[in-house]
Amino acid sequence: MSPPLYPLFFFFLLLFPPSFSAFLAPVKQDQKTRLYTLSVYLKTPLQTTNLFLDLGASFSWVDCTQNYTSTTYHSIPCNSSLCNSLDKLACSNCFDSPGPGCSNDSCALFPENSTTRKVLLAQALVDTLALPLTNGRNPGRLGLVREFVLSCLKTPLLKGFPKGTTGLGRSNFSFLALLSSIYSIPYVFALFLYGSPSAPGVAFFAMNEPGDGSGCEKQGVLRFKCEPDCVKILSASG
């Protein structure tokens, strides 16, 4: 049984003033792969989904071939404005049964397994994502992203990997960029990683960038700012 998250809220309160609010997501170390995963809510109805925490991936992707059930997913038509804005490199058709990741004349992306460097052509889709909001004292309501763009891939790309990836890299459709476009938050996030696989860490996606004196540099927190051409570490210790 995983440790409760309440100590994390207390920790967050120590770092940031009560008026500061952010998105919150637990970070765990996958027992099998030893990779860090971010726990988010995905699909409709919302389902907890653990995705590899990838600071370099330009977009998020999930395995859509294994029990992907959602009432809100839809593919992205190849000639749509959304597909064009993705700088897509291909359109694809599918000759299997229709479903997530299998539709005709659909926008396609090239997700990469960053541990094996294997790349596959996979259809893009849109679904609902949700993360809890917190004021530093308590978890609050869920913040929804109803048009969350991700890539739907097949199981072979997942060798030695969790069930998908949270893309936090350089892209207008990265995990943080999509949150920013909906909620007008800056491209800043913070990670707190526990050393024990059994204890969860936490990721904060800031709605207002913490100012000087937040204490991050004294608490072993990695703070990042995503800029057009880089992911910048604002401060780090450990």
C-alpha atoms as a PDB file:
ATOM      1  CA  MET A   1       0.000   0.000   0.000  1.00  0.00           C
ATOM      2  CA  SER A   2       1.427   3.369  -1.046  1.00  0.00           C
ATOM      3  CA  PRO A   3       2.112   6.012   1.634  1.00  0.00           C
ATOM      4  CA  PRO A   4      -0.526   8.758   1.851  1.00  0.00           C
ATOM      5  CA  LEU A   5       0.031  11.983  -0.058  1.00  0.00           C
ATOM      6  CA  TYR A   6      -0.785  14.301   2.857  1.00  0.00           C
ATOM      7  CA  PRO A   7       2.901  14.684   3.862  1.00  0.00           C
ATOM      8  CA  LEU A   8       3.495  15.943   0.339  1.00  0.00           C
ATOM      9  CA  PHE A   9       0.914  18.703   0.801  1.00  0.00           C
ATOM     10  CA  PHE A  10       2.615  19.694   4.050  1.00  0.00           C
ATOM     11  CA  PHE A  11       5.941  19.744   2.237  1.00  0.00           C
ATOM     12  CA  PHE A  12       4.425  21.908  -0.504  1.00  0.00           C
ATOM     13  CA  LEU A  13       3.080  24.304   2.130  1.00  0.00           C
ATOM     14  CA  LEU A  14       6.602  24.737   3.476  1.00  0.00           C
ATOM     15  CA  LEU A  15       7.891  25.601   0.017  1.00  0.00           C
ATOM     16  CA  PHE A  16       5.231  27.971  -1.260  1.00  0.00           C
ATOM     17  CA  PRO A  17       2.861  30.499   0.312  1.00  0.00           C
ATOM     18  CA  PRO A  18      -0.813  29.494   0.733  1.00  0.00           C
ATOM     19  CA  SER A  19      -1.887  31.846  -2.066  1.00  0.00           C
ATOM     20  CA  PHE A  20       0.213  29.898  -4.554  1.00  0.00           C
ATOM     21  CA  SER A  21      -1.732  27.258  -6.484  1.00  0.00           C
ATOM     22  CA  ALA A  22      -0.575  24.521  -8.808  1.00  0.00           C
ATOM     23  CA  PHE A  23      -1.456  21.272 -10.461  1.00  0.00           C
ATOM     24  CA  LEU A  24      -0.336  18.266  -8.455  1.00  0.00           C
ATOM     25  CA  ALA A  25       0.626  14.760  -9.592  1.00  0.00           C
ATOM     26  CA  PRO A  26       2.230  11.897  -7.628  1.00  0.00           C
ATOM     27  CA  VAL A  27       5.557  10.591  -8.920  1.00  0.00           C
ATOM     28  CA  LYS A  28       6.446   6.953  -8.315  1.00  0.00           C
ATOM     29  CA  GLN A  29       9.303   4.673  -9.269  1.00  0.00           C
ATOM     30  CA  ASP A  30       8.089   1.782 -11.389  1.00  0.00           C
ATOM     31  CA  GLN A  31       9.030  -1.436  -9.566  1.00  0.00           C
ATOM     32  CA  LYS A  32       9.762  -3.344 -12.778  1.00  0.00           C
ATOM     33  CA  THR A  33      11.634  -0.794 -14.875  1.00  0.00           C
ATOM     34  CA  ARG A  34      12.949   1.471 -12.049  1.00  0.00           C
ATOM     35  CA  LEU A  35      11.826   4.452 -14.123  1.00  0.00           C
ATOM     36  CA  TYR A  36       9.899   7.346 -12.610  1.00  0.00           C
ATOM     37  CA  THR A  37       6.242   7.594 -13.558  1.00  0.00           C
ATOM     38  CA  LEU A  38       3.699  10.379 -13.258  1.00  0.00           C
ATOM     39  CA  SER A  39       0.208   9.413 -12.082  1.00  0.00           C
ATOM     40  CA  VAL A  40      -2.540  11.271 -13.970  1.00  0.00           C
ATOM     41  CA  TYR A  41      -6.239  10.857 -14.700  1.00  0.00           C
ATOM     42  CA  LEU A  42      -7.002  10.020 -18.312  1.00  0.00           C
ATOM     43  CA  LYS A  43     -10.060   9.048 -20.398  1.00  0.00           C
ATOM     44  CA  THR A  44     -13.797   9.239 -19.603  1.00  0.00           C
ATOM     45  CA  PRO A  45     -14.732   8.088 -17.069  1.00  0.00           C
ATOM     46  CA  LEU A  46     -11.430   9.213 -15.568  1.00  0.00           C
ATOM     47  CA  GLN A  47      -8.960   6.406 -14.942  1.00  0.00           C
ATOM     48  CA  THR A  48      -5.641   6.564 -13.094  1.00  0.00           C
ATOM     49  CA  THR A  49      -2.825   6.132 -15.607  1.00  0.00           C
ATOM     50  CA  ASN A  50       0.896   5.872 -14.822  1.00  0.00           C
ATOM     51  CA  LEU A  51       3.118   7.382 -17.515  1.00  0.00           C
ATOM     52  CA  PHE A  52       6.915   7.508 -17.752  1.00  0.00           C
ATOM     53  CA  LEU A  53       8.235  10.919 -16.719  1.00  0.00           C
ATOM     54  CA  ASP A  54      10.188  11.951 -19.821  1.00  0.00           C
ATOM     55  CA  LEU A  55      11.792  15.415 -19.804  1.00  0.00           C
ATOM     56  CA  GLY A  56      12.770  15.131 -23.460  1.00  0.00           C
ATOM     57  CA  ALA A  57       9.667  13.770 -25.196  1.00  0.00           C
ATOM     58  CA  SER A  58       7.824  16.368 -27.269  1.00  0.00           C
ATOM     59  CA  PHE A  59       4.396  14.805 -26.713  1.00  0.00           C
ATOM     60  CA  SER A  60       2.687  12.203 -24.539  1.00  0.00           C
ATOM     61  CA  TRP A  61       1.766   8.726 -25.721  1.00  0.00           C
ATOM     62  CA  VAL A  62      -0.031   5.661 -24.379  1.00  0.00           C
ATOM     63  CA  ASP A  63      -0.672   2.048 -25.313  1.00  0.00           C
ATOM     64  CA  CYS A  64      -4.115   2.022 -26.913  1.00  0.00           C
ATOM     65  CA  THR A  65      -4.191  -1.671 -27.788  1.00  0.00           C
ATOM     66  CA  GLN A  66      -4.718  -2.974 -24.243  1.00  0.00           C
ATOM     67  CA  ASN A  67      -8.087  -2.186 -22.645  1.00  0.00           C
ATOM     68  CA  TYR A  68      -8.282   1.443 -23.745  1.00  0.00           C
ATOM     69  CA  THR A  69     -11.893   2.387 -23.044  1.00  0.00           C
ATOM     70  CA  SER A  70     -13.087   5.984 -23.128  1.00  0.00           C
ATOM     71  CA  THR A  71     -16.202   7.804 -24.294  1.00  0.00           C
ATOM     72  CA  THR A  72     -14.354  11.017 -25.173  1.00  0.00           C
ATOM     73  CA  TYR A  73     -11.440   9.955 -27.357  1.00  0.00           C
ATOM     74  CA  HIS A  74     -11.397  10.819 -31.032  1.00  0.00           C
ATOM     75  CA  SER A  75      -8.851  10.709 -33.810  1.00  0.00           C
ATOM     76  CA  ILE A  76      -7.475  13.827 -35.491  1.00  0.00           C
ATOM     77  CA  PRO A  77      -8.418  14.158 -39.192  1.00  0.00           C
ATOM     78  CA  CYS A  78      -5.373  14.475 -41.385  1.00  0.00           C
ATOM     79  CA  ASN A  79      -6.265  17.806 -42.993  1.00  0.00           C
ATOM     80  CA  SER A  80      -7.636  19.456 -39.864  1.00  0.00           C
ATOM     81  CA  SER A  81      -6.152  22.627 -38.401  1.00  0.00           C
ATOM     82  CA  LEU A  82      -5.129  20.690 -35.280  1.00  0.00           C
ATOM     83  CA  CYS A  83      -3.208  18.152 -37.324  1.00  0.00           C
ATOM     84  CA  ASN A  84      -1.479  20.901 -39.298  1.00  0.00           C
ATOM     85  CA  SER A  85      -0.475  22.634 -36.079  1.00  0.00           C
ATOM     86  CA  LEU A  86       1.183  19.409 -34.902  1.00  0.00           C
ATOM     87  CA  ASP A  87       3.633  19.629 -37.822  1.00  0.00           C
ATOM     88  CA  LYS A  88       2.600  16.086 -38.612  1.00  0.00           C
ATOM     89  CA  LEU A  89       4.856  14.118 -40.893  1.00  0.00           C
ATOM     90  CA  ALA A  90       2.375  11.533 -42.083  1.00  0.00           C
ATOM     91  CA  CYS A  91      -1.237  10.549 -42.485  1.00  0.00           C
ATOM     92  CA  SER A  92      -2.270   6.982 -41.842  1.00  0.00           C
ATOM     93  CA  ASN A  93      -5.007   4.475 -42.543  1.00  0.00           C
ATOM     94  CA  CYS A  94      -5.897   1.383 -40.544  1.00  0.00           C
ATOM     95  CA  PHE A  95      -7.241  -1.948 -41.741  1.00  0.00           C
ATOM     96  CA  ASP A  96      -7.995  -3.481 -38.344  1.00  0.00           C
ATOM     97  CA  SER A  97     -11.189  -3.024 -36.341  1.00  0.00           C
ATOM     98  CA  PRO A  98     -11.954   0.677 -35.717  1.00  0.00           C
ATOM     99  CA  GLY A  99     -10.980   1.948 -32.289  1.00  0.00           C
ATOM    100  CA  PRO A 100      -8.385   4.054 -30.486  1.00  0.00           C
ATOM    101  CA  GLY A 101      -5.384   4.276 -32.769  1.00  0.00           C
ATOM    102  CA  CYS A 102      -7.201   2.738 -35.720  1.00  0.00           C
ATOM    103  CA  SER A 103      -9.059   5.057 -38.082  1.00  0.00           C
ATOM    104  CA  ASN A 104      -8.630   6.186 -41.654  1.00  0.00           C
ATOM    105  CA  ASP A 105      -7.169   9.448 -42.921  1.00  0.00           C
ATOM    106  CA  SER A 106      -5.826  10.259 -39.461  1.00  0.00           C
ATOM    107  CA  CYS A 107      -2.974  12.442 -38.279  1.00  0.00           C
ATOM    108  CA  ALA A 108       0.099  10.401 -37.350  1.00  0.00           C
ATOM    109  CA  LEU A 109       3.067  11.011 -35.064  1.00  0.00           C
ATOM    110  CA  PHE A 110       6.317   9.172 -34.342  1.00  0.00           C
ATOM    111  CA  PRO A 111       6.534   8.255 -30.631  1.00  0.00           C
ATOM    112  CA  GLU A 112       9.948   7.112 -29.420  1.00  0.00           C
ATOM    113  CA  ASN A 113      10.880   4.765 -26.605  1.00  0.00           C
ATOM    114  CA  SER A 114      13.671   6.811 -25.031  1.00  0.00           C
ATOM    115  CA  THR A 115      15.293   3.759 -23.415  1.00  0.00           C
ATOM    116  CA  THR A 116      15.515   1.599 -26.563  1.00  0.00           C
ATOM    117  CA  ARG A 117      15.403   4.478 -29.101  1.00  0.00           C
ATOM    118  CA  LYS A 118      12.824   2.547 -31.081  1.00  0.00           C
ATOM    119  CA  VAL A 119      10.394   4.701 -33.075  1.00  0.00           C
ATOM    120  CA  LEU A 120       7.038   3.716 -34.563  1.00  0.00           C
ATOM    121  CA  LEU A 121       4.430   5.414 -36.713  1.00  0.00           C
ATOM    122  CA  ALA A 122       1.294   5.841 -34.579  1.00  0.00           C
ATOM    123  CA  GLN A 123      -1.973   7.708 -34.903  1.00  0.00           C
ATOM    124  CA  ALA A 124      -2.601  10.815 -32.829  1.00  0.00           C
ATOM    125  CA  LEU A 125      -5.768  11.210 -30.820  1.00  0.00           C
ATOM    126  CA  VAL A 126      -7.477  13.550 -28.381  1.00  0.00           C
ATOM    127  CA  ASP A 127      -8.901  12.575 -24.989  1.00  0.00           C
ATOM    128  CA  THR A 128      -9.614  14.052 -21.559  1.00  0.00           C
ATOM    129  CA  LEU A 129      -6.867  14.544 -18.965  1.00  0.00           C
ATOM    130  CA  ALA A 130      -7.293  15.690 -15.353  1.00  0.00           C
ATOM    131  CA  LEU A 131      -4.966  16.658 -12.498  1.00  0.00           C
ATOM    132  CA  PRO A 132      -5.780  17.798  -8.943  1.00  0.00           C
ATOM    133  CA  LEU A 133      -5.294  21.445  -8.054  1.00  0.00           C
ATOM    134  CA  THR A 134      -3.784  22.367  -4.701  1.00  0.00           C
ATOM    135  CA  ASN A 135      -3.347  25.589  -2.746  1.00  0.00           C
ATOM    136  CA  GLY A 136      -0.498  24.069  -0.759  1.00  0.00           C
ATOM    137  CA  ARG A 137      -2.734  23.031   2.130  1.00  0.00           C
ATOM    138  CA  ASN A 138      -5.189  20.555   0.649  1.00  0.00           C
ATOM    139  CA  PRO A 139      -5.966  18.915  -2.675  1.00  0.00           C
ATOM    140  CA  GLY A 140      -8.776  20.658  -4.486  1.00  0.00           C
ATOM    141  CA  ARG A 141     -10.947  20.076  -7.505  1.00  0.00           C
ATOM    142  CA  LEU A 142      -9.688  18.425 -10.653  1.00  0.00           C
ATOM    143  CA  GLY A 143      -8.492  20.659 -13.458  1.00  0.00           C
ATOM    144  CA  LEU A 144      -9.595  19.222 -16.807  1.00  0.00           C
ATOM    145  CA  VAL A 145      -7.936  19.358 -20.208  1.00  0.00           C
ATOM    146  CA  ARG A 146     -10.693  18.122 -22.500  1.00  0.00           C
ATOM    147  CA  GLU A 147      -8.640  18.257 -25.697  1.00  0.00           C
ATOM    148  CA  PHE A 148      -5.438  16.581 -24.558  1.00  0.00           C
ATOM    149  CA  VAL A 149      -3.347  15.515 -27.554  1.00  0.00           C
ATOM    150  CA  LEU A 150      -1.390  12.274 -27.358  1.00  0.00           C
ATOM    151  CA  SER A 151      -0.127   9.511 -29.566  1.00  0.00           C
ATOM    152  CA  CYS A 152      -1.722   6.079 -29.542  1.00  0.00           C
ATOM    153  CA  LEU A 153       0.775   3.288 -30.063  1.00  0.00           C
ATOM    154  CA  LYS A 154       1.006  -0.471 -30.083  1.00  0.00           C
ATOM    155  CA  THR A 155       2.468  -2.688 -27.376  1.00  0.00           C
ATOM    156  CA  PRO A 156       5.869  -3.497 -29.045  1.00  0.00           C
ATOM    157  CA  LEU A 157       7.156   0.023 -28.336  1.00  0.00           C
ATOM    158  CA  LEU A 158       6.644  -0.557 -24.605  1.00  0.00           C
ATOM    159  CA  LYS A 159       9.440  -3.105 -24.176  1.00  0.00           C
ATOM    160  CA  GLY A 160      11.231  -2.218 -20.930  1.00  0.00           C
ATOM    161  CA  PHE A 161       8.843   0.672 -20.373  1.00  0.00           C
ATOM    162  CA  PRO A 162       5.764   1.642 -18.359  1.00  0.00           C
ATOM    163  CA  LYS A 163       2.435   1.965 -20.181  1.00  0.00           C
ATOM    164  CA  GLY A 164       3.194   5.277 -21.834  1.00  0.00           C
ATOM    165  CA  THR A 165       5.027   8.587 -21.569  1.00  0.00           C
ATOM    166  CA  THR A 166       4.395  12.056 -20.183  1.00  0.00           C
ATOM    167  CA  GLY A 167       6.102  14.316 -22.717  1.00  0.00           C
ATOM    168  CA  LEU A 168       7.671  17.314 -20.958  1.00  0.00           C
ATOM    169  CA  GLY A 169      10.032  18.386 -23.734  1.00  0.00           C
ATOM    170  CA  ARG A 170      10.097  21.096 -26.398  1.00  0.00           C
ATOM    171  CA  SER A 171       6.789  21.167 -28.219  1.00  0.00           C
ATOM    172  CA  ASN A 172       3.598  23.191 -28.458  1.00  0.00           C
ATOM    173  CA  PHE A 173       1.775  19.978 -27.556  1.00  0.00           C
ATOM    174  CA  SER A 174       3.900  18.728 -24.689  1.00  0.00           C
ATOM    175  CA  PHE A 175       2.215  17.912 -21.383  1.00  0.00           C
ATOM    176  CA  LEU A 176       3.090  21.299 -19.890  1.00  0.00           C
ATOM    177  CA  ALA A 177       2.307  23.256 -23.068  1.00  0.00           C
ATOM    178  CA  LEU A 178      -1.233  21.870 -23.161  1.00  0.00           C
ATOM    179  CA  LEU A 179      -1.795  22.778 -19.502  1.00  0.00           C
ATOM    180  CA  SER A 180      -0.409  26.234 -20.192  1.00  0.00           C
ATOM    181  CA  SER A 181      -2.648  26.840 -23.198  1.00  0.00           C
ATOM    182  CA  ILE A 182      -5.806  25.986 -21.250  1.00  0.00           C
ATOM    183  CA  TYR A 183      -5.019  27.597 -17.891  1.00  0.00           C
ATOM    184  CA  SER A 184      -2.547  30.337 -18.918  1.00  0.00           C
ATOM    185  CA  ILE A 185       0.148  29.038 -16.583  1.00  0.00           C
ATOM    186  CA  PRO A 186       3.876  29.652 -17.122  1.00  0.00           C
ATOM    187  CA  TYR A 187       6.126  26.879 -18.390  1.00  0.00           C
ATOM    188  CA  VAL A 188       7.442  26.031 -14.931  1.00  0.00           C
ATOM    189  CA  PHE A 189       7.279  22.801 -12.975  1.00  0.00           C
ATOM    190  CA  ALA A 190       8.972  21.292  -9.937  1.00  0.00           C
ATOM    191  CA  LEU A 191       9.855  17.692  -9.103  1.00  0.00           C
ATOM    192  CA  PHE A 192      10.455  16.158  -5.684  1.00  0.00           C
ATOM    193  CA  LEU A 193      11.785  12.605  -5.953  1.00  0.00           C
ATOM    194  CA  TYR A 194      12.044  10.305  -2.949  1.00  0.00           C
ATOM    195  CA  GLY A 195      14.916   7.845  -2.832  1.00  0.00           C
ATOM    196  CA  SER A 196      12.717   4.867  -1.926  1.00  0.00           C
ATOM    197  CA  PRO A 197      10.686   3.078  -4.642  1.00  0.00           C
ATOM    198  CA  SER A 198       7.897   2.548  -2.093  1.00  0.00           C
ATOM    199  CA  ALA A 199       7.483   6.255  -1.287  1.00  0.00           C
ATOM    200  CA  PRO A 200       5.840   8.588  -3.808  1.00  0.00           C
ATOM    201  CA  GLY A 201       7.383  11.845  -4.882  1.00  0.00           C
ATOM    202  CA  VAL A 202       5.408  14.706  -6.354  1.00  0.00           C
ATOM    203  CA  ALA A 203       5.330  16.985  -9.383  1.00  0.00           C
ATOM    204  CA  PHE A 204       3.945  20.522  -9.250  1.00  0.00           C
ATOM    205  CA  PHE A 205       2.916  22.322 -12.413  1.00  0.00           C
ATOM    206  CA  ALA A 206       2.852  25.940 -11.324  1.00  0.00           C
ATOM    207  CA  MET A 207       0.058  28.383 -12.074  1.00  0.00           C
ATOM    208  CA  ASN A 208       2.355  31.165 -10.889  1.00  0.00           C
ATOM    209  CA  GLU A 209       6.103  30.790 -10.842  1.00  0.00           C
ATOM    210  CA  PRO A 210       7.436  30.625  -7.289  1.00  0.00           C
ATOM    211  CA  GLY A 211       9.336  33.756  -6.373  1.00  0.00           C
ATOM    212  CA  ASP A 212      12.624  34.115  -4.595  1.00  0.00           C
ATOM    213  CA  GLY A 213      12.691  32.686  -1.128  1.00  0.00           C
ATOM    214  CA  SER A 214      10.465  29.715  -1.936  1.00  0.00           C
ATOM    215  CA  GLY A 215      13.035  27.418  -0.368  1.00  0.00           C
ATOM    216  CA  CYS A 216      13.202  25.057  -3.330  1.00  0.00           C
ATOM    217  CA  GLU A 217      16.973  25.209  -3.539  1.00  0.00           C
ATOM    218  CA  LYS A 218      17.173  24.102   0.095  1.00  0.00           C
ATOM    219  CA  GLN A 219      14.762  21.192  -0.104  1.00  0.00           C
ATOM    220  CA  GLY A 220      16.209  18.961  -2.829  1.00  0.00           C
ATOM    221  CA  VAL A 221      13.667  20.035  -5.417  1.00  0.00           C
ATOM    222  CA  LEU A 222      14.349  20.211  -9.130  1.00  0.00           C
ATOM    223  CA  ARG A 223      12.642  23.251 -10.642  1.00  0.00           C
ATOM    224  CA  PHE A 224      12.387  23.556 -14.403  1.00  0.00           C
ATOM    225  CA  LYS A 225      11.378  26.301 -16.788  1.00  0.00           C
ATOM    226  CA  CYS A 226      10.488  25.291 -20.336  1.00  0.00           C
ATOM    227  CA  GLU A 227      11.632  27.804 -22.914  1.00  0.00           C
ATOM    228  CA  PRO A 228      11.313  27.717 -26.722  1.00  0.00           C
ATOM    229  CA  ASP A 229      14.625  25.954 -27.252  1.00  0.00           C
ATOM    230  CA  CYS A 230      15.430  24.261 -23.974  1.00  0.00           C
ATOM    231  CA  VAL A 231      14.248  22.820 -20.695  1.00  0.00           C
ATOM    232  CA  LYS A 232      16.026  24.949 -18.120  1.00  0.00           C
ATOM    233  CA  ILE A 233      16.809  23.801 -14.592  1.00  0.00           C
ATOM    234  CA  LEU A 234      16.067  26.794 -12.389  1.00  0.00           C
ATOM    235  CA  SER A 235      17.547  25.199  -9.282  1.00  0.00           C
ATOM    236  CA  ALA A 236      18.586  21.784  -8.083  1.00  0.00           C
ATOM    237  CA  SER A 237      20.031  20.187  -5.004  1.00  0.00           C
ATOM    238  CA  GLY A 238      20.010  16.794  -3.491  1.00  0.00           C
END
